[in-house]
Amino acid sequence: MFEGLLYPPTGFHFAVVIEMFPQTPQDFRFQSVTGLSVDIPTETIQEGGENRFKHQFPQLPQFNKLQLKRGLFKGSFIINWCKNAIENFEFEPNNVIVTLLNEKHLPTAAWQVVNAYPTKWSVSEFNAEQNTLAIESLELTYQYFTIIGLDVSLTGAISVGVSI
């Protein structure tokens, strides 16, 4: 229970679930996930008569695109989802859950990406001089993400640990 308090979690054991049906076991496997970040831009306003500083006011948050990479799978429903968006211009937003797992395959942290849809799909370079896998990359645009629940027992463990 205190492991997460003593050591930060590793970033190589995770799961990605796109809330769409049907799915194959390959649809959950990804090599990397990037883009879980948000920026809050500010607007600078100079007050009349005040020459020592300018006011900084927060604007609406800007969320980056979620990028997923994995080996190229044949018969993936996620690729059908992307293909439908690219070829037919029919977008079906779906939520995406990214979960960081511990050594026991239990969640240590999770993020829910809301109303994501594909905006880019690409395949890695094919090179006869290298022995590498064909990697596909998906880029998803989304409205926002939220951090999903810290366990209440963890919060209690923090307070117990501090009081001891």
N, C-alpha and C. Protein backbone atom coordinates (compact mmCIF):
# COMPACT_ATOMS: atom_id res chain seq x y z
N MET A 1 0.82 -1.19 0.00
CA MET A 1 0.00 0.00 0.00
C MET A 1 0.86 1.25 0.00
N PHE A 2 2.04 1.22 0.67
CA PHE A 2 2.90 2.39 0.76
C PHE A 2 3.90 2.47 -0.38
N GLU A 3 3.92 1.46 -1.28
CA GLU A 3 4.91 1.43 -2.35
C GLU A 3 4.84 2.68 -3.23
N GLY A 4 3.64 3.11 -3.58
CA GLY A 4 3.49 4.28 -4.42
C GLY A 4 3.94 5.56 -3.72
N LEU A 5 3.96 5.53 -2.39
CA LEU A 5 4.40 6.69 -1.64
C LEU A 5 5.93 6.75 -1.56
N LEU A 6 6.58 5.58 -1.60
CA LEU A 6 8.03 5.53 -1.47
C LEU A 6 8.75 5.64 -2.79
N TYR A 7 8.22 5.03 -3.82
CA TYR A 7 8.86 5.01 -5.13
C TYR A 7 7.86 5.40 -6.21
N PRO A 8 8.28 6.21 -7.16
CA PRO A 8 7.36 6.52 -8.27
C PRO A 8 7.15 5.29 -9.15
N PRO A 9 5.98 5.18 -9.77
CA PRO A 9 5.70 4.00 -10.60
C PRO A 9 6.52 4.02 -11.89
N THR A 10 6.73 2.85 -12.44
CA THR A 10 7.42 2.74 -13.72
C THR A 10 6.46 3.11 -14.84
N GLY A 11 7.00 3.52 -15.97
CA GLY A 11 6.15 3.97 -17.07
C GLY A 11 6.04 2.98 -18.22
N PHE A 12 6.52 1.74 -18.02
CA PHE A 12 6.50 0.80 -19.14
C PHE A 12 5.40 -0.24 -19.05
N HIS A 13 4.64 -0.25 -17.96
CA HIS A 13 3.57 -1.24 -17.80
C HIS A 13 2.24 -0.49 -17.72
N PHE A 14 1.49 -0.53 -18.82
CA PHE A 14 0.26 0.26 -18.90
C PHE A 14 -0.74 -0.45 -19.81
N ALA A 15 -1.96 0.03 -19.75
CA ALA A 15 -3.04 -0.50 -20.60
C ALA A 15 -3.79 0.69 -21.20
N VAL A 16 -4.24 0.49 -22.43
CA VAL A 16 -5.04 1.51 -23.12
C VAL A 16 -6.32 0.84 -23.58
N VAL A 17 -7.45 1.39 -23.20
CA VAL A 17 -8.74 0.84 -23.60
C VAL A 17 -9.54 1.95 -24.27
N ILE A 18 -9.90 1.71 -25.53
CA ILE A 18 -10.79 2.62 -26.23
C ILE A 18 -12.19 2.05 -26.05
N GLU A 19 -13.08 2.84 -25.50
CA GLU A 19 -14.42 2.35 -25.16
C GLU A 19 -15.26 2.24 -26.43
N MET A 20 -15.01 1.18 -27.17
CA MET A 20 -15.77 0.90 -28.38
C MET A 20 -15.96 -0.61 -28.48
N PHE A 21 -16.99 -1.03 -29.16
CA PHE A 21 -17.28 -2.45 -29.32
C PHE A 21 -17.57 -2.74 -30.77
N PRO A 22 -17.21 -3.86 -31.30
CA PRO A 22 -16.43 -4.92 -30.66
C PRO A 22 -14.94 -4.58 -30.70
N GLN A 23 -14.14 -5.36 -29.96
CA GLN A 23 -12.70 -5.21 -29.96
C GLN A 23 -12.05 -6.58 -29.98
N THR A 24 -10.82 -6.62 -30.45
CA THR A 24 -10.02 -7.84 -30.42
C THR A 24 -8.97 -7.69 -29.33
N PRO A 25 -8.32 -8.76 -28.90
CA PRO A 25 -7.25 -8.62 -27.90
C PRO A 25 -6.11 -7.70 -28.37
N GLN A 26 -5.89 -7.62 -29.67
CA GLN A 26 -4.84 -6.74 -30.19
C GLN A 26 -5.17 -5.26 -30.00
N ASP A 27 -6.45 -4.95 -29.88
CA ASP A 27 -6.86 -3.56 -29.75
C ASP A 27 -6.45 -2.93 -28.42
N PHE A 28 -6.01 -3.72 -27.46
CA PHE A 28 -5.59 -3.20 -26.15
C PHE A 28 -4.07 -3.03 -26.06
N ARG A 29 -3.34 -3.48 -27.06
CA ARG A 29 -1.88 -3.52 -26.99
C ARG A 29 -1.27 -2.31 -27.68
N PHE A 30 -0.51 -1.54 -26.92
CA PHE A 30 0.17 -0.38 -27.46
C PHE A 30 1.60 -0.35 -26.94
N GLN A 31 2.47 0.19 -27.76
CA GLN A 31 3.89 0.29 -27.44
C GLN A 31 4.18 1.57 -26.66
N SER A 32 3.50 2.65 -27.01
CA SER A 32 3.72 3.91 -26.30
C SER A 32 2.48 4.80 -26.38
N VAL A 33 2.37 5.66 -25.39
CA VAL A 33 1.30 6.65 -25.30
C VAL A 33 1.94 7.98 -24.95
N THR A 34 1.64 9.01 -25.73
CA THR A 34 2.09 10.36 -25.40
C THR A 34 0.94 11.34 -25.62
N GLY A 35 1.06 12.51 -25.04
CA GLY A 35 0.05 13.54 -25.27
C GLY A 35 -0.89 13.77 -24.11
N LEU A 36 -0.67 13.11 -22.99
CA LEU A 36 -1.50 13.39 -21.82
C LEU A 36 -0.94 14.64 -21.14
N SER A 37 -1.24 15.78 -21.71
CA SER A 37 -0.75 17.03 -21.14
C SER A 37 -1.75 18.14 -21.44
N VAL A 38 -1.72 19.13 -20.57
CA VAL A 38 -2.62 20.27 -20.71
C VAL A 38 -1.83 21.54 -20.41
N ASP A 39 -2.09 22.57 -21.17
CA ASP A 39 -1.47 23.88 -20.95
C ASP A 39 -2.58 24.88 -20.67
N ILE A 40 -2.32 25.79 -19.76
CA ILE A 40 -3.25 26.88 -19.50
C ILE A 40 -2.56 28.16 -19.95
N PRO A 41 -2.92 28.66 -21.12
CA PRO A 41 -2.31 29.90 -21.59
C PRO A 41 -2.80 31.08 -20.76
N THR A 42 -2.04 32.14 -20.79
CA THR A 42 -2.43 33.34 -20.06
C THR A 42 -2.52 34.52 -21.02
N GLU A 43 -3.36 35.45 -20.64
CA GLU A 43 -3.49 36.70 -21.41
C GLU A 43 -2.88 37.82 -20.58
N THR A 44 -2.03 38.59 -21.21
CA THR A 44 -1.36 39.69 -20.51
C THR A 44 -2.17 40.97 -20.71
N ILE A 45 -2.52 41.60 -19.59
CA ILE A 45 -3.27 42.86 -19.62
C ILE A 45 -2.46 43.90 -18.84
N GLN A 46 -2.24 45.03 -19.48
CA GLN A 46 -1.54 46.12 -18.81
C GLN A 46 -2.58 47.07 -18.23
N GLU A 47 -2.44 47.34 -16.96
CA GLU A 47 -3.37 48.24 -16.28
C GLU A 47 -2.94 49.68 -16.53
N GLY A 48 -3.90 50.50 -16.84
CA GLY A 48 -3.59 51.91 -17.08
C GLY A 48 -3.04 52.58 -15.84
N GLY A 49 -1.91 53.26 -15.95
CA GLY A 49 -1.32 53.96 -14.82
C GLY A 49 -0.38 53.10 -14.00
N GLU A 50 -0.39 51.79 -14.18
CA GLU A 50 0.50 50.88 -13.45
C GLU A 50 1.61 50.45 -14.38
N ASN A 51 2.82 50.93 -14.14
CA ASN A 51 3.94 50.65 -15.03
C ASN A 51 4.91 49.60 -14.48
N ARG A 52 4.70 49.12 -13.26
CA ARG A 52 5.64 48.17 -12.65
C ARG A 52 5.43 46.74 -13.11
N PHE A 53 4.23 46.36 -13.53
CA PHE A 53 3.96 44.98 -13.91
C PHE A 53 2.73 44.92 -14.82
N LYS A 54 2.52 43.76 -15.40
CA LYS A 54 1.33 43.48 -16.21
C LYS A 54 0.59 42.32 -15.54
N HIS A 55 -0.72 42.35 -15.62
CA HIS A 55 -1.54 41.28 -15.05
C HIS A 55 -1.54 40.08 -15.99
N GLN A 56 -1.50 38.88 -15.44
CA GLN A 56 -1.58 37.63 -16.21
C GLN A 56 -2.88 36.94 -15.82
N PHE A 57 -3.78 36.74 -16.79
CA PHE A 57 -5.05 36.10 -16.52
C PHE A 57 -5.14 34.76 -17.25
N PRO A 58 -5.60 33.72 -16.58
CA PRO A 58 -5.68 32.40 -17.21
C PRO A 58 -6.78 32.34 -18.27
N GLN A 59 -6.51 31.58 -19.33
CA GLN A 59 -7.46 31.35 -20.42
C GLN A 59 -7.94 29.89 -20.34
N LEU A 60 -8.68 29.46 -21.32
CA LEU A 60 -9.18 28.08 -21.35
C LEU A 60 -8.02 27.10 -21.53
N PRO A 61 -8.09 25.95 -20.88
CA PRO A 61 -7.03 24.94 -21.04
C PRO A 61 -6.95 24.44 -22.48
N GLN A 62 -5.74 24.10 -22.92
CA GLN A 62 -5.52 23.52 -24.25
C GLN A 62 -4.92 22.14 -24.06
N PHE A 63 -5.60 21.13 -24.58
CA PHE A 63 -5.17 19.75 -24.45
C PHE A 63 -4.46 19.31 -25.72
N ASN A 64 -3.32 18.63 -25.56
CA ASN A 64 -2.57 18.13 -26.70
C ASN A 64 -3.24 16.91 -27.30
N LYS A 65 -2.78 16.50 -28.47
CA LYS A 65 -3.33 15.30 -29.11
C LYS A 65 -2.72 14.06 -28.47
N LEU A 66 -3.53 13.02 -28.34
CA LEU A 66 -3.08 11.75 -27.78
C LEU A 66 -2.48 10.92 -28.91
N GLN A 67 -1.25 10.47 -28.73
CA GLN A 67 -0.57 9.67 -29.75
C GLN A 67 -0.34 8.27 -29.21
N LEU A 68 -0.81 7.29 -29.98
CA LEU A 68 -0.67 5.88 -29.62
C LEU A 68 0.14 5.17 -30.69
N LYS A 69 1.09 4.34 -30.27
CA LYS A 69 1.89 3.57 -31.21
C LYS A 69 1.84 2.10 -30.83
N ARG A 70 1.85 1.26 -31.87
CA ARG A 70 1.83 -0.19 -31.66
C ARG A 70 2.23 -0.89 -32.95
N GLY A 71 2.46 -2.19 -32.83
CA GLY A 71 2.72 -2.98 -34.01
C GLY A 71 1.50 -3.00 -34.91
N LEU A 72 1.73 -3.09 -36.20
CA LEU A 72 0.64 -3.09 -37.17
C LEU A 72 -0.12 -4.41 -37.09
N PHE A 73 -1.40 -4.35 -36.75
CA PHE A 73 -2.25 -5.53 -36.63
C PHE A 73 -3.25 -5.59 -37.76
N LYS A 74 -3.46 -6.74 -38.28
CA LYS A 74 -4.47 -6.95 -39.32
C LYS A 74 -5.78 -7.31 -38.63
N GLY A 75 -6.89 -6.74 -39.10
CA GLY A 75 -8.20 -7.05 -38.55
C GLY A 75 -8.53 -6.33 -37.26
N SER A 76 -7.90 -5.20 -37.01
CA SER A 76 -8.16 -4.44 -35.79
C SER A 76 -9.40 -3.56 -35.97
N PHE A 77 -10.26 -3.56 -34.97
CA PHE A 77 -11.45 -2.70 -35.01
C PHE A 77 -11.07 -1.23 -34.84
N ILE A 78 -9.95 -0.97 -34.19
CA ILE A 78 -9.49 0.41 -34.06
C ILE A 78 -9.11 0.97 -35.43
N ILE A 79 -8.48 0.15 -36.25
CA ILE A 79 -8.13 0.60 -37.60
C ILE A 79 -9.40 0.81 -38.42
N ASN A 80 -10.41 -0.02 -38.24
CA ASN A 80 -11.69 0.21 -38.92
C ASN A 80 -12.30 1.54 -38.50
N TRP A 81 -12.17 1.88 -37.22
CA TRP A 81 -12.65 3.15 -36.67
C TRP A 81 -11.93 4.31 -37.35
N CYS A 82 -10.59 4.19 -37.47
CA CYS A 82 -9.79 5.23 -38.14
C CYS A 82 -10.14 5.30 -39.62
N LYS A 83 -10.26 4.16 -40.25
CA LYS A 83 -10.57 4.10 -41.68
C LYS A 83 -11.92 4.76 -41.97
N ASN A 84 -12.89 4.53 -41.11
CA ASN A 84 -14.21 5.13 -41.29
C ASN A 84 -14.13 6.66 -41.19
N ALA A 85 -13.28 7.16 -40.29
CA ALA A 85 -13.11 8.60 -40.16
C ALA A 85 -12.39 9.19 -41.37
N ILE A 86 -11.34 8.50 -41.83
CA ILE A 86 -10.52 9.02 -42.93
C ILE A 86 -11.24 8.91 -44.27
N GLU A 87 -11.77 7.73 -44.57
CA GLU A 87 -12.35 7.49 -45.88
C GLU A 87 -13.78 7.99 -46.02
N ASN A 88 -14.58 7.87 -44.96
CA ASN A 88 -16.00 8.24 -45.04
C ASN A 88 -16.32 9.56 -44.33
N PHE A 89 -15.32 10.12 -43.66
CA PHE A 89 -15.49 11.36 -42.89
C PHE A 89 -16.64 11.22 -41.89
N GLU A 90 -16.71 10.04 -41.28
CA GLU A 90 -17.70 9.75 -40.23
C GLU A 90 -16.95 9.56 -38.92
N PHE A 91 -17.15 10.48 -38.00
CA PHE A 91 -16.41 10.46 -36.75
C PHE A 91 -17.30 9.96 -35.63
N GLU A 92 -16.80 8.99 -34.89
CA GLU A 92 -17.49 8.43 -33.73
C GLU A 92 -16.60 8.65 -32.51
N PRO A 93 -16.81 9.74 -31.77
CA PRO A 93 -15.98 9.97 -30.58
C PRO A 93 -16.17 8.86 -29.55
N ASN A 94 -15.07 8.41 -28.99
CA ASN A 94 -15.07 7.39 -27.94
C ASN A 94 -14.15 7.83 -26.82
N ASN A 95 -14.47 7.42 -25.61
CA ASN A 95 -13.59 7.69 -24.48
C ASN A 95 -12.43 6.69 -24.51
N VAL A 96 -11.29 7.14 -24.03
CA VAL A 96 -10.10 6.30 -23.94
C VAL A 96 -9.64 6.31 -22.49
N ILE A 97 -9.33 5.14 -21.96
CA ILE A 97 -8.81 5.05 -20.59
C ILE A 97 -7.38 4.55 -20.66
N VAL A 98 -6.46 5.34 -20.13
CA VAL A 98 -5.05 4.97 -20.05
C VAL A 98 -4.77 4.67 -18.58
N THR A 99 -4.27 3.47 -18.31
CA THR A 99 -4.05 3.03 -16.94
C THR A 99 -2.60 2.62 -16.77
N LEU A 100 -1.95 3.16 -15.76
CA LEU A 100 -0.60 2.77 -15.40
C LEU A 100 -0.72 1.62 -14.40
N LEU A 101 0.00 0.52 -14.65
CA LEU A 101 -0.13 -0.69 -13.84
C LEU A 101 1.13 -0.94 -13.01
N ASN A 102 0.95 -1.62 -11.88
CA ASN A 102 2.10 -2.02 -11.07
C ASN A 102 2.54 -3.43 -11.45
N GLU A 103 3.48 -3.98 -10.70
CA GLU A 103 4.02 -5.31 -11.02
C GLU A 103 2.99 -6.42 -10.84
N LYS A 104 1.91 -6.16 -10.12
CA LYS A 104 0.83 -7.14 -9.94
C LYS A 104 -0.29 -6.91 -10.95
N HIS A 105 -0.05 -6.07 -11.93
CA HIS A 105 -1.01 -5.72 -12.99
C HIS A 105 -2.23 -4.99 -12.45
N LEU A 106 -2.09 -4.31 -11.31
CA LEU A 106 -3.16 -3.52 -10.73
C LEU A 106 -2.95 -2.05 -11.05
N PRO A 107 -4.02 -1.29 -11.24
CA PRO A 107 -3.88 0.13 -11.59
C PRO A 107 -3.24 0.94 -10.46
N THR A 108 -2.30 1.80 -10.82
CA THR A 108 -1.73 2.74 -9.86
C THR A 108 -2.18 4.17 -10.19
N ALA A 109 -2.48 4.42 -11.44
CA ALA A 109 -2.98 5.73 -11.87
C ALA A 109 -3.77 5.51 -13.16
N ALA A 110 -4.76 6.37 -13.39
CA ALA A 110 -5.57 6.23 -14.60
C ALA A 110 -6.06 7.59 -15.06
N TRP A 111 -6.22 7.70 -16.38
CA TRP A 111 -6.71 8.93 -17.00
C TRP A 111 -7.82 8.57 -17.96
N GLN A 112 -8.90 9.33 -17.94
CA GLN A 112 -9.98 9.14 -18.90
C GLN A 112 -9.93 10.30 -19.89
N VAL A 113 -9.71 9.95 -21.16
CA VAL A 113 -9.67 10.91 -22.25
C VAL A 113 -11.07 10.93 -22.86
N VAL A 114 -11.70 12.08 -22.89
CA VAL A 114 -13.12 12.19 -23.23
C VAL A 114 -13.31 12.60 -24.69
N ASN A 115 -14.19 11.85 -25.36
CA ASN A 115 -14.61 12.11 -26.74
C ASN A 115 -13.44 12.22 -27.72
N ALA A 116 -12.63 11.19 -27.75
CA ALA A 116 -11.50 11.15 -28.67
C ALA A 116 -11.94 10.61 -30.03
N TYR A 117 -11.31 11.13 -31.07
CA TYR A 117 -11.56 10.62 -32.42
C TYR A 117 -10.27 10.73 -33.22
N PRO A 118 -10.07 9.85 -34.20
CA PRO A 118 -8.81 9.84 -34.94
C PRO A 118 -8.69 11.02 -35.90
N THR A 119 -7.50 11.63 -35.90
CA THR A 119 -7.22 12.72 -36.84
C THR A 119 -5.97 12.44 -37.67
N LYS A 120 -5.24 11.38 -37.32
CA LYS A 120 -4.06 11.02 -38.10
C LYS A 120 -3.74 9.55 -37.88
N TRP A 121 -3.33 8.89 -38.96
CA TRP A 121 -2.87 7.50 -38.91
C TRP A 121 -1.66 7.38 -39.81
N SER A 122 -0.62 6.73 -39.33
CA SER A 122 0.58 6.56 -40.16
C SER A 122 1.25 5.23 -39.83
N VAL A 123 2.07 4.78 -40.78
CA VAL A 123 2.82 3.54 -40.63
C VAL A 123 4.30 3.90 -40.71
N SER A 124 5.11 3.20 -39.91
CA SER A 124 6.54 3.47 -39.91
C SER A 124 7.18 3.13 -41.25
N GLU A 125 8.41 3.53 -41.39
CA GLU A 125 9.18 3.28 -42.60
C GLU A 125 9.39 1.78 -42.82
N PHE A 126 9.31 1.36 -44.06
CA PHE A 126 9.67 -0.01 -44.44
C PHE A 126 11.10 0.06 -44.97
N ASN A 127 11.99 -0.72 -44.36
CA ASN A 127 13.40 -0.64 -44.72
C ASN A 127 13.97 -2.05 -44.77
N ALA A 128 14.44 -2.49 -45.94
CA ALA A 128 14.96 -3.84 -46.13
C ALA A 128 16.28 -4.05 -45.40
N GLU A 129 16.93 -2.99 -44.94
CA GLU A 129 18.21 -3.12 -44.25
C GLU A 129 18.06 -3.24 -42.74
N GLN A 130 16.83 -3.17 -42.23
CA GLN A 130 16.62 -3.25 -40.79
C GLN A 130 15.64 -4.36 -40.46
N ASN A 131 15.83 -4.95 -39.31
CA ASN A 131 14.96 -6.02 -38.83
C ASN A 131 14.05 -5.43 -37.74
N THR A 132 13.06 -4.65 -38.15
CA THR A 132 12.16 -4.01 -37.19
C THR A 132 10.70 -4.33 -37.53
N LEU A 133 9.85 -4.14 -36.55
CA LEU A 133 8.42 -4.33 -36.75
C LEU A 133 7.82 -3.14 -37.49
N ALA A 134 6.75 -3.39 -38.18
CA ALA A 134 5.97 -2.30 -38.78
C ALA A 134 5.13 -1.69 -37.66
N ILE A 135 5.31 -0.41 -37.42
CA ILE A 135 4.64 0.30 -36.33
C ILE A 135 3.61 1.26 -36.91
N GLU A 136 2.39 1.18 -36.37
CA GLU A 136 1.37 2.15 -36.77
C GLU A 136 1.21 3.17 -35.65
N SER A 137 0.96 4.40 -36.05
CA SER A 137 0.75 5.49 -35.10
C SER A 137 -0.63 6.08 -35.31
N LEU A 138 -1.33 6.28 -34.21
CA LEU A 138 -2.65 6.91 -34.23
C LEU A 138 -2.55 8.23 -33.48
N GLU A 139 -3.17 9.24 -34.02
CA GLU A 139 -3.24 10.51 -33.32
C GLU A 139 -4.71 10.82 -33.10
N LEU A 140 -5.06 11.04 -31.84
CA LEU A 140 -6.45 11.29 -31.47
C LEU A 140 -6.61 12.69 -30.92
N THR A 141 -7.62 13.39 -31.39
CA THR A 141 -7.99 14.68 -30.83
C THR A 141 -9.10 14.41 -29.82
N TYR A 142 -9.10 15.14 -28.73
CA TYR A 142 -10.10 14.91 -27.69
C TYR A 142 -10.48 16.23 -27.02
N GLN A 143 -11.57 16.21 -26.26
CA GLN A 143 -12.03 17.43 -25.60
C GLN A 143 -11.19 17.76 -24.37
N TYR A 144 -11.03 16.78 -23.49
CA TYR A 144 -10.28 16.98 -22.26
C TYR A 144 -9.98 15.61 -21.65
N PHE A 145 -9.15 15.58 -20.64
CA PHE A 145 -8.95 14.35 -19.89
C PHE A 145 -9.08 14.64 -18.41
N THR A 146 -9.42 13.61 -17.66
CA THR A 146 -9.51 13.71 -16.21
C THR A 146 -8.66 12.61 -15.59
N ILE A 147 -8.15 12.88 -14.42
CA ILE A 147 -7.43 11.86 -13.66
C ILE A 147 -8.47 11.08 -12.89
N ILE A 148 -8.48 9.76 -13.08
CA ILE A 148 -9.49 8.93 -12.44
C ILE A 148 -8.99 8.51 -11.08
N GLY A 149 -9.87 8.62 -10.12
CA GLY A 149 -9.82 8.26 -8.73
C GLY A 149 -8.57 7.73 -8.09
N LEU A 150 -8.02 8.51 -7.18
CA LEU A 150 -7.09 7.93 -6.22
C LEU A 150 -7.94 7.15 -5.24
N ASP A 151 -7.48 5.98 -4.90
CA ASP A 151 -8.22 5.13 -3.97
C ASP A 151 -8.33 5.82 -2.62
N VAL A 152 -9.51 5.77 -2.02
CA VAL A 152 -9.75 6.40 -0.72
C VAL A 152 -8.83 5.79 0.33
N SER A 153 -8.56 4.48 0.23
CA SER A 153 -7.68 3.84 1.20
C SER A 153 -6.27 4.40 1.10
N LEU A 154 -5.85 4.83 -0.09
CA LEU A 154 -4.54 5.44 -0.25
C LEU A 154 -4.50 6.77 0.47
N THR A 155 -5.56 7.56 0.38
CA THR A 155 -5.63 8.82 1.07
C THR A 155 -5.55 8.60 2.58
N GLY A 156 -6.23 7.56 3.06
CA GLY A 156 -6.16 7.21 4.47
C GLY A 156 -4.76 6.78 4.86
N ALA A 157 -4.10 6.05 3.97
CA ALA A 157 -2.73 5.59 4.25
C ALA A 157 -1.79 6.77 4.35
N ILE A 158 -2.02 7.80 3.55
CA ILE A 158 -1.17 8.98 3.62
C ILE A 158 -1.33 9.66 4.97
N SER A 159 -2.58 9.82 5.41
CA SER A 159 -2.81 10.48 6.69
C SER A 159 -2.29 9.65 7.85
N VAL A 160 -2.42 8.31 7.77
CA VAL A 160 -1.89 7.43 8.83
C VAL A 160 -0.37 7.53 8.85
N GLY A 161 0.24 7.51 7.64
CA GLY A 161 1.70 7.59 7.56
C GLY A 161 2.23 8.88 8.12
N VAL A 162 1.51 9.99 7.92
CA VAL A 162 1.94 11.28 8.43
C VAL A 162 1.76 11.35 9.93
N SER A 163 0.69 10.74 10.45
CA SER A 163 0.42 10.82 11.89
C SER A 163 1.33 9.92 12.70
N ILE A 164 1.93 8.91 12.08
CA ILE A 164 2.81 7.98 12.82
C ILE A 164 4.10 8.62 13.05
